[in-house]
Amino acid sequence: MNMAIWLLNNTNLKFYEISERIGYTNQSYFSKLFKQQFNMTPYEFRALNGAPQDAPPSP
């Protein structure tokens, strides 16, 4: 799940893409396990921590 946290914080990948990258083919199962471990869904986690921007901010 550490990789899921990193991907949620540092990429704009969709949740199903993150679940597949860390080895879960069923996004619902991934979300269930994530919520059990972190007491929030991946969506809630990303909303709380802010989604990464596509490009770095301009100076």
Protein backbone atom coordinates (compact mmCIF):
# COMPACT_ATOMS: atom_id res chain seq x y z
CA MET A 1 0.00 0.00 0.00
CA ASN A 2 2.98 2.33 0.34
CA MET A 3 3.22 2.37 -3.46
CA ALA A 4 -0.48 3.25 -3.68
CA ILE A 5 0.10 6.21 -1.33
CA TRP A 6 3.04 7.37 -3.44
CA LEU A 7 1.04 7.05 -6.67
CA LEU A 8 -1.94 8.91 -5.19
CA ASN A 9 0.33 11.74 -4.04
CA ASN A 10 2.58 12.00 -7.08
CA THR A 11 0.56 11.05 -10.15
CA ASN A 12 -2.78 11.76 -11.77
CA LEU A 13 -3.40 8.07 -12.46
CA LYS A 14 -6.97 6.91 -12.17
CA PHE A 15 -7.79 4.68 -9.20
CA TYR A 16 -8.17 1.56 -11.35
CA GLU A 17 -4.73 2.25 -12.87
CA ILE A 18 -3.19 2.52 -9.40
CA SER A 19 -4.86 -0.69 -8.26
CA GLU A 20 -3.57 -2.54 -11.34
CA ARG A 21 -0.04 -1.17 -10.88
CA ILE A 22 0.17 -2.50 -7.36
CA GLY A 23 -1.27 -5.89 -8.29
CA TYR A 24 -5.03 -5.69 -7.75
CA THR A 25 -7.18 -6.36 -10.80
CA ASN A 26 -10.37 -5.54 -8.89
CA GLN A 27 -10.56 -1.84 -8.03
CA SER A 28 -13.37 -2.39 -5.52
CA TYR A 29 -11.26 -4.88 -3.59
CA PHE A 30 -8.30 -2.49 -3.64
CA SER A 31 -10.50 0.34 -2.31
CA LYS A 32 -11.87 -1.93 0.42
CA LEU A 33 -8.36 -2.92 1.59
CA PHE A 34 -7.17 0.70 1.38
CA LYS A 35 -10.10 1.85 3.53
CA GLN A 36 -9.46 -0.89 6.09
CA GLN A 37 -5.83 0.20 6.42
CA PHE A 38 -6.18 3.99 6.24
CA ASN A 39 -9.80 4.59 7.33
CA MET A 40 -10.56 6.44 4.10
CA THR A 41 -11.01 5.55 0.45
CA PRO A 42 -8.32 6.33 -2.15
CA TYR A 43 -10.62 9.08 -3.42
CA GLU A 44 -10.89 10.63 0.05
CA PHE A 45 -7.12 10.32 0.53
CA ARG A 46 -6.36 12.13 -2.72
CA ALA A 47 -8.96 14.82 -1.99
CA LEU A 48 -7.49 15.39 1.47
CA ASN A 49 -3.89 15.53 0.23
CA GLY A 50 -4.55 17.34 -3.03
CA ALA A 51 -4.12 15.89 -6.48
CA PRO A 52 -0.78 16.57 -8.17
CA GLN A 53 -0.64 19.13 -10.93
CA ASP A 54 0.11 18.13 -14.52
CA ALA A 55 2.89 20.68 -14.79
CA PRO A 56 5.05 22.45 -12.25
CA PRO A 57 3.90 25.94 -11.28
CA SER A 58 5.30 28.84 -13.24
CA PRO A 59 7.87 31.06 -11.50
